[in-house]
N, C-alpha and C. Protein backbone atom coordinates (compact mmCIF):
# COMPACT_ATOMS: atom_id res chain seq x y z
N MET A 1 -20.74 30.89 21.26
CA MET A 1 -20.53 30.82 19.85
C MET A 1 -20.70 29.41 19.31
N THR A 2 -20.44 28.45 20.08
CA THR A 2 -20.59 27.08 19.62
C THR A 2 -22.07 26.74 19.43
N ASN A 3 -22.92 27.32 20.23
CA ASN A 3 -24.35 27.07 20.07
C ASN A 3 -24.86 27.59 18.73
N LEU A 4 -24.36 28.71 18.29
CA LEU A 4 -24.78 29.28 17.02
C LEU A 4 -24.36 28.38 15.86
N GLY A 5 -23.18 27.79 15.91
CA GLY A 5 -22.71 26.88 14.87
C GLY A 5 -23.52 25.61 14.83
N VAL A 6 -23.97 25.11 15.95
CA VAL A 6 -24.80 23.90 16.00
C VAL A 6 -26.16 24.17 15.40
N ILE A 7 -26.72 25.34 15.68
CA ILE A 7 -28.03 25.68 15.14
C ILE A 7 -27.94 25.82 13.62
N GLU A 8 -26.89 26.45 13.10
CA GLU A 8 -26.74 26.60 11.66
C GLU A 8 -26.55 25.23 11.00
N ALA A 9 -25.78 24.35 11.56
CA ALA A 9 -25.58 23.02 11.01
C ALA A 9 -26.86 22.22 11.05
N LYS A 10 -27.63 22.35 12.11
CA LYS A 10 -28.89 21.62 12.23
C LYS A 10 -29.91 22.11 11.21
N SER A 11 -29.98 23.43 11.00
CA SER A 11 -30.95 23.96 10.05
C SER A 11 -30.57 23.61 8.61
N SER A 12 -29.28 23.56 8.30
CA SER A 12 -28.88 23.20 6.95
C SER A 12 -29.14 21.71 6.67
N ARG A 13 -29.04 20.87 7.69
CA ARG A 13 -29.36 19.45 7.51
C ARG A 13 -30.84 19.23 7.29
N THR A 14 -31.66 19.91 8.01
CA THR A 14 -33.11 19.72 7.86
C THR A 14 -33.60 20.33 6.56
N ARG A 15 -32.97 21.35 6.08
CA ARG A 15 -33.37 21.98 4.84
C ARG A 15 -33.02 21.10 3.64
N ARG A 16 -31.99 20.31 3.70
CA ARG A 16 -31.50 19.52 2.58
C ARG A 16 -32.06 18.09 2.58
N ALA A 17 -32.96 17.78 3.46
CA ALA A 17 -33.45 16.41 3.58
C ALA A 17 -34.29 15.96 2.40
N GLY A 18 -35.04 16.84 1.73
CA GLY A 18 -35.91 16.44 0.63
C GLY A 18 -35.36 16.86 -0.72
N PHE A 19 -36.11 16.51 -1.78
CA PHE A 19 -35.74 16.91 -3.14
C PHE A 19 -36.36 18.26 -3.45
N THR A 20 -35.68 19.03 -4.24
CA THR A 20 -36.26 20.28 -4.70
C THR A 20 -37.14 19.99 -5.91
N LEU A 21 -37.95 20.94 -6.26
CA LEU A 21 -38.84 20.78 -7.41
C LEU A 21 -38.04 20.61 -8.70
N ILE A 22 -36.96 21.30 -8.85
CA ILE A 22 -36.13 21.21 -10.06
C ILE A 22 -35.51 19.83 -10.18
N GLU A 23 -35.01 19.29 -9.07
CA GLU A 23 -34.43 17.95 -9.10
C GLU A 23 -35.48 16.92 -9.49
N LEU A 24 -36.67 17.07 -8.97
CA LEU A 24 -37.76 16.14 -9.30
C LEU A 24 -38.14 16.24 -10.77
N LEU A 25 -38.25 17.46 -11.30
CA LEU A 25 -38.60 17.64 -12.71
C LEU A 25 -37.51 17.11 -13.64
N VAL A 26 -36.26 17.32 -13.30
CA VAL A 26 -35.16 16.80 -14.12
C VAL A 26 -35.17 15.27 -14.11
N THR A 27 -35.42 14.68 -12.97
CA THR A 27 -35.49 13.22 -12.88
C THR A 27 -36.64 12.67 -13.72
N LEU A 28 -37.80 13.32 -13.63
CA LEU A 28 -38.95 12.87 -14.43
C LEU A 28 -38.69 13.05 -15.92
N PHE A 29 -38.02 14.12 -16.29
CA PHE A 29 -37.68 14.34 -17.70
C PHE A 29 -36.75 13.26 -18.21
N ILE A 30 -35.75 12.90 -17.43
CA ILE A 30 -34.81 11.86 -17.84
C ILE A 30 -35.51 10.50 -17.95
N LEU A 31 -36.39 10.20 -17.00
CA LEU A 31 -37.14 8.94 -17.09
C LEU A 31 -38.05 8.92 -18.31
N GLY A 32 -38.71 10.03 -18.59
CA GLY A 32 -39.56 10.11 -19.77
C GLY A 32 -38.78 9.93 -21.05
N LEU A 33 -37.59 10.51 -21.11
CA LEU A 33 -36.74 10.36 -22.27
C LEU A 33 -36.30 8.91 -22.47
N LEU A 34 -35.95 8.24 -21.39
CA LEU A 34 -35.55 6.83 -21.48
C LEU A 34 -36.71 5.95 -21.93
N VAL A 35 -37.91 6.23 -21.43
CA VAL A 35 -39.09 5.45 -21.84
C VAL A 35 -39.38 5.69 -23.32
N ALA A 36 -39.26 6.93 -23.79
CA ALA A 36 -39.49 7.22 -25.20
C ALA A 36 -38.49 6.48 -26.08
N LEU A 37 -37.24 6.45 -25.68
CA LEU A 37 -36.23 5.72 -26.46
C LEU A 37 -36.49 4.22 -26.45
N LEU A 38 -36.95 3.71 -25.31
CA LEU A 38 -37.25 2.28 -25.21
C LEU A 38 -38.43 1.91 -26.10
N LEU A 39 -39.47 2.74 -26.11
CA LEU A 39 -40.63 2.46 -26.95
C LEU A 39 -40.27 2.49 -28.43
N GLN A 40 -39.40 3.40 -28.82
CA GLN A 40 -38.97 3.46 -30.21
C GLN A 40 -38.18 2.21 -30.58
N ALA A 41 -37.34 1.73 -29.69
CA ALA A 41 -36.58 0.51 -29.97
C ALA A 41 -37.49 -0.70 -30.07
N ILE A 42 -38.50 -0.77 -29.22
CA ILE A 42 -39.45 -1.88 -29.28
C ILE A 42 -40.23 -1.85 -30.58
N GLN A 43 -40.66 -0.66 -31.00
CA GLN A 43 -41.41 -0.54 -32.25
C GLN A 43 -40.56 -0.95 -33.45
N SER A 44 -39.32 -0.55 -33.49
CA SER A 44 -38.47 -0.92 -34.62
C SER A 44 -38.17 -2.42 -34.61
N ALA A 45 -38.07 -3.02 -33.43
CA ALA A 45 -37.85 -4.47 -33.36
C ALA A 45 -39.08 -5.22 -33.86
N ARG A 46 -40.27 -4.74 -33.51
CA ARG A 46 -41.50 -5.38 -34.02
C ARG A 46 -41.61 -5.24 -35.53
N GLU A 47 -41.27 -4.07 -36.04
CA GLU A 47 -41.32 -3.85 -37.48
C GLU A 47 -40.35 -4.78 -38.21
N ALA A 48 -39.17 -4.95 -37.67
CA ALA A 48 -38.19 -5.86 -38.28
C ALA A 48 -38.70 -7.29 -38.24
N GLY A 49 -39.35 -7.67 -37.15
CA GLY A 49 -39.92 -9.02 -37.05
C GLY A 49 -41.02 -9.25 -38.08
N ARG A 50 -41.88 -8.25 -38.27
CA ARG A 50 -42.95 -8.38 -39.28
C ARG A 50 -42.36 -8.47 -40.68
N ARG A 51 -41.32 -7.68 -40.95
CA ARG A 51 -40.70 -7.71 -42.27
C ARG A 51 -40.06 -9.07 -42.53
N ILE A 52 -39.39 -9.62 -41.54
CA ILE A 52 -38.77 -10.94 -41.70
C ILE A 52 -39.84 -12.01 -41.93
N GLN A 53 -40.94 -11.93 -41.21
CA GLN A 53 -42.02 -12.90 -41.38
C GLN A 53 -42.63 -12.79 -42.78
N SER A 54 -42.80 -11.56 -43.28
CA SER A 54 -43.36 -11.37 -44.61
C SER A 54 -42.43 -11.93 -45.69
N VAL A 55 -41.14 -11.66 -45.55
CA VAL A 55 -40.17 -12.19 -46.51
C VAL A 55 -40.16 -13.71 -46.47
N ASN A 56 -40.29 -14.28 -45.28
CA ASN A 56 -40.31 -15.74 -45.15
C ASN A 56 -41.55 -16.32 -45.85
N HIS A 57 -42.70 -15.67 -45.70
CA HIS A 57 -43.92 -16.17 -46.37
C HIS A 57 -43.79 -16.07 -47.88
N LEU A 58 -43.21 -14.99 -48.38
CA LEU A 58 -43.02 -14.86 -49.82
C LEU A 58 -42.05 -15.92 -50.34
N ARG A 59 -41.01 -16.21 -49.58
CA ARG A 59 -40.06 -17.24 -49.99
C ARG A 59 -40.73 -18.61 -50.03
N GLN A 60 -41.57 -18.90 -49.04
CA GLN A 60 -42.28 -20.18 -49.03
C GLN A 60 -43.22 -20.29 -50.24
N LEU A 61 -43.88 -19.17 -50.57
CA LEU A 61 -44.78 -19.19 -51.72
C LEU A 61 -44.00 -19.41 -53.02
N GLY A 62 -42.85 -18.75 -53.15
CA GLY A 62 -42.01 -18.94 -54.33
C GLY A 62 -41.50 -20.36 -54.44
N LEU A 63 -41.10 -20.96 -53.32
CA LEU A 63 -40.65 -22.36 -53.35
C LEU A 63 -41.80 -23.30 -53.69
N ALA A 64 -43.00 -22.99 -53.23
CA ALA A 64 -44.16 -23.83 -53.54
C ALA A 64 -44.47 -23.78 -55.03
N VAL A 65 -44.39 -22.58 -55.63
CA VAL A 65 -44.62 -22.47 -57.08
C VAL A 65 -43.54 -23.25 -57.84
N ALA A 66 -42.29 -23.15 -57.41
CA ALA A 66 -41.22 -23.90 -58.07
C ALA A 66 -41.43 -25.41 -57.92
N ASN A 67 -41.87 -25.86 -56.74
CA ASN A 67 -42.15 -27.28 -56.54
C ASN A 67 -43.32 -27.74 -57.40
N TYR A 68 -44.36 -26.90 -57.52
CA TYR A 68 -45.50 -27.25 -58.37
C TYR A 68 -45.05 -27.42 -59.83
N GLN A 69 -44.20 -26.51 -60.28
CA GLN A 69 -43.70 -26.61 -61.66
C GLN A 69 -42.85 -27.86 -61.86
N SER A 70 -42.05 -28.22 -60.85
CA SER A 70 -41.20 -29.39 -61.04
C SER A 70 -42.00 -30.69 -60.94
N VAL A 71 -43.07 -30.69 -60.12
CA VAL A 71 -43.88 -31.91 -59.98
C VAL A 71 -44.80 -32.10 -61.18
N SER A 72 -45.50 -31.04 -61.60
CA SER A 72 -46.49 -31.20 -62.66
C SER A 72 -45.97 -30.85 -64.04
N GLY A 73 -44.87 -30.14 -64.13
CA GLY A 73 -44.31 -29.80 -65.43
C GLY A 73 -44.92 -28.57 -66.05
N VAL A 74 -45.90 -27.96 -65.42
CA VAL A 74 -46.53 -26.74 -65.94
C VAL A 74 -46.61 -25.71 -64.83
N ASN A 75 -46.89 -24.47 -65.23
CA ASN A 75 -47.09 -23.42 -64.24
C ASN A 75 -48.41 -23.65 -63.50
N PRO A 76 -48.53 -23.17 -62.29
CA PRO A 76 -49.80 -23.32 -61.57
C PRO A 76 -50.92 -22.60 -62.31
N PRO A 77 -52.12 -23.19 -62.33
CA PRO A 77 -53.22 -22.57 -63.08
C PRO A 77 -53.72 -21.31 -62.39
N VAL A 78 -54.22 -20.41 -63.20
CA VAL A 78 -54.90 -19.24 -62.67
C VAL A 78 -56.31 -19.69 -62.29
N ASN A 79 -56.99 -18.93 -61.47
CA ASN A 79 -58.32 -19.31 -61.02
C ASN A 79 -59.23 -19.57 -62.21
N THR A 80 -59.66 -20.81 -62.40
CA THR A 80 -60.49 -21.20 -63.53
C THR A 80 -61.94 -21.40 -63.13
N PHE A 81 -62.28 -21.16 -61.88
CA PHE A 81 -63.62 -21.33 -61.32
C PHE A 81 -64.09 -22.78 -61.34
N LYS A 82 -63.21 -23.71 -61.70
CA LYS A 82 -63.56 -25.12 -61.64
C LYS A 82 -62.81 -25.82 -60.51
N SER A 83 -61.85 -25.15 -59.95
CA SER A 83 -61.09 -25.74 -58.86
C SER A 83 -60.78 -24.66 -57.83
N PHE A 84 -60.05 -25.04 -56.84
CA PHE A 84 -59.65 -24.08 -55.83
C PHE A 84 -58.66 -23.09 -56.43
N SER A 85 -58.43 -22.01 -55.71
CA SER A 85 -57.46 -21.03 -56.20
C SER A 85 -56.05 -21.62 -56.10
N ILE A 86 -55.14 -20.92 -56.70
CA ILE A 86 -53.76 -21.39 -56.71
C ILE A 86 -53.20 -21.49 -55.29
N HIS A 87 -53.66 -20.62 -54.41
CA HIS A 87 -53.14 -20.63 -53.05
C HIS A 87 -53.49 -21.92 -52.31
N VAL A 88 -54.71 -22.40 -52.50
CA VAL A 88 -55.11 -23.66 -51.86
C VAL A 88 -54.37 -24.82 -52.50
N GLU A 89 -54.17 -24.77 -53.80
CA GLU A 89 -53.45 -25.84 -54.48
C GLU A 89 -51.99 -25.91 -54.03
N LEU A 90 -51.42 -24.78 -53.66
CA LEU A 90 -50.02 -24.74 -53.26
C LEU A 90 -49.82 -25.08 -51.78
N LEU A 91 -50.90 -25.19 -51.01
CA LEU A 91 -50.75 -25.45 -49.58
C LEU A 91 -50.01 -26.76 -49.31
N SER A 92 -50.30 -27.79 -50.11
CA SER A 92 -49.61 -29.06 -49.88
C SER A 92 -48.11 -28.94 -50.16
N LEU A 93 -47.74 -28.08 -51.08
CA LEU A 93 -46.33 -27.89 -51.39
C LEU A 93 -45.66 -26.94 -50.40
N MET A 94 -46.44 -26.23 -49.60
CA MET A 94 -45.90 -25.33 -48.57
C MET A 94 -45.88 -26.03 -47.21
N GLU A 95 -46.04 -27.33 -47.21
CA GLU A 95 -46.06 -28.14 -45.99
C GLU A 95 -47.20 -27.73 -45.07
N ARG A 96 -48.33 -27.48 -45.67
CA ARG A 96 -49.54 -27.14 -44.91
C ARG A 96 -50.65 -28.16 -45.25
N HIS A 97 -50.32 -29.43 -45.19
CA HIS A 97 -51.26 -30.49 -45.58
C HIS A 97 -52.52 -30.47 -44.74
N ILE A 98 -52.38 -30.32 -43.45
CA ILE A 98 -53.55 -30.38 -42.55
C ILE A 98 -54.52 -29.26 -42.87
N PHE A 99 -53.99 -28.06 -43.09
CA PHE A 99 -54.85 -26.92 -43.40
C PHE A 99 -55.53 -27.13 -44.75
N MET A 100 -54.82 -27.69 -45.73
CA MET A 100 -55.41 -27.93 -47.04
C MET A 100 -56.53 -28.95 -46.95
N HIS A 101 -56.32 -30.04 -46.21
CA HIS A 101 -57.36 -31.06 -46.07
C HIS A 101 -58.57 -30.50 -45.33
N HIS A 102 -58.34 -29.62 -44.37
CA HIS A 102 -59.44 -29.00 -43.65
C HIS A 102 -60.27 -28.11 -44.59
N LEU A 103 -59.60 -27.35 -45.43
CA LEU A 103 -60.32 -26.50 -46.38
C LEU A 103 -61.12 -27.33 -47.36
N ILE A 104 -60.54 -28.41 -47.83
CA ILE A 104 -61.26 -29.25 -48.79
C ILE A 104 -62.45 -29.94 -48.14
N SER A 105 -62.29 -30.37 -46.87
CA SER A 105 -63.39 -31.08 -46.20
C SER A 105 -64.57 -30.16 -45.88
N ILE A 106 -64.32 -28.91 -45.58
CA ILE A 106 -65.44 -28.01 -45.25
C ILE A 106 -65.98 -27.28 -46.46
N SER A 107 -65.35 -27.48 -47.59
CA SER A 107 -65.76 -26.76 -48.78
C SER A 107 -67.07 -27.32 -49.33
N THR A 108 -67.91 -26.44 -49.79
CA THR A 108 -69.14 -26.85 -50.47
C THR A 108 -69.01 -26.63 -51.97
N PHE A 109 -67.80 -26.24 -52.37
CA PHE A 109 -67.53 -25.97 -53.78
C PHE A 109 -67.38 -27.28 -54.53
N GLN A 110 -68.11 -27.45 -55.61
CA GLN A 110 -68.05 -28.69 -56.38
C GLN A 110 -66.90 -28.63 -57.37
N VAL A 111 -66.05 -29.64 -57.30
CA VAL A 111 -64.90 -29.68 -58.21
C VAL A 111 -65.26 -30.46 -59.44
């Protein structure tokens, strides 16, 4: 009788050594769910970063217009076709001197 108990214990150990198909599918489902949640979090973080960058650029543009008004005493001119656009004129007030000088140096537009 002891031999029969050893055979049953041995067969149950060898049968339980691997994963069943259901365990594998449940594990893959859980991993897929975690990856989906992670991708959604990454996408929302990128969107928040873009929104913050856009708000920062708009704030810089508003400060440049306010600086232009305080320096020159008038509102920035609208495109008059005799000078650069308002955006290029405001570059120096947005602390973008190097970019403004580069635009002016490569320009073929006669002022």
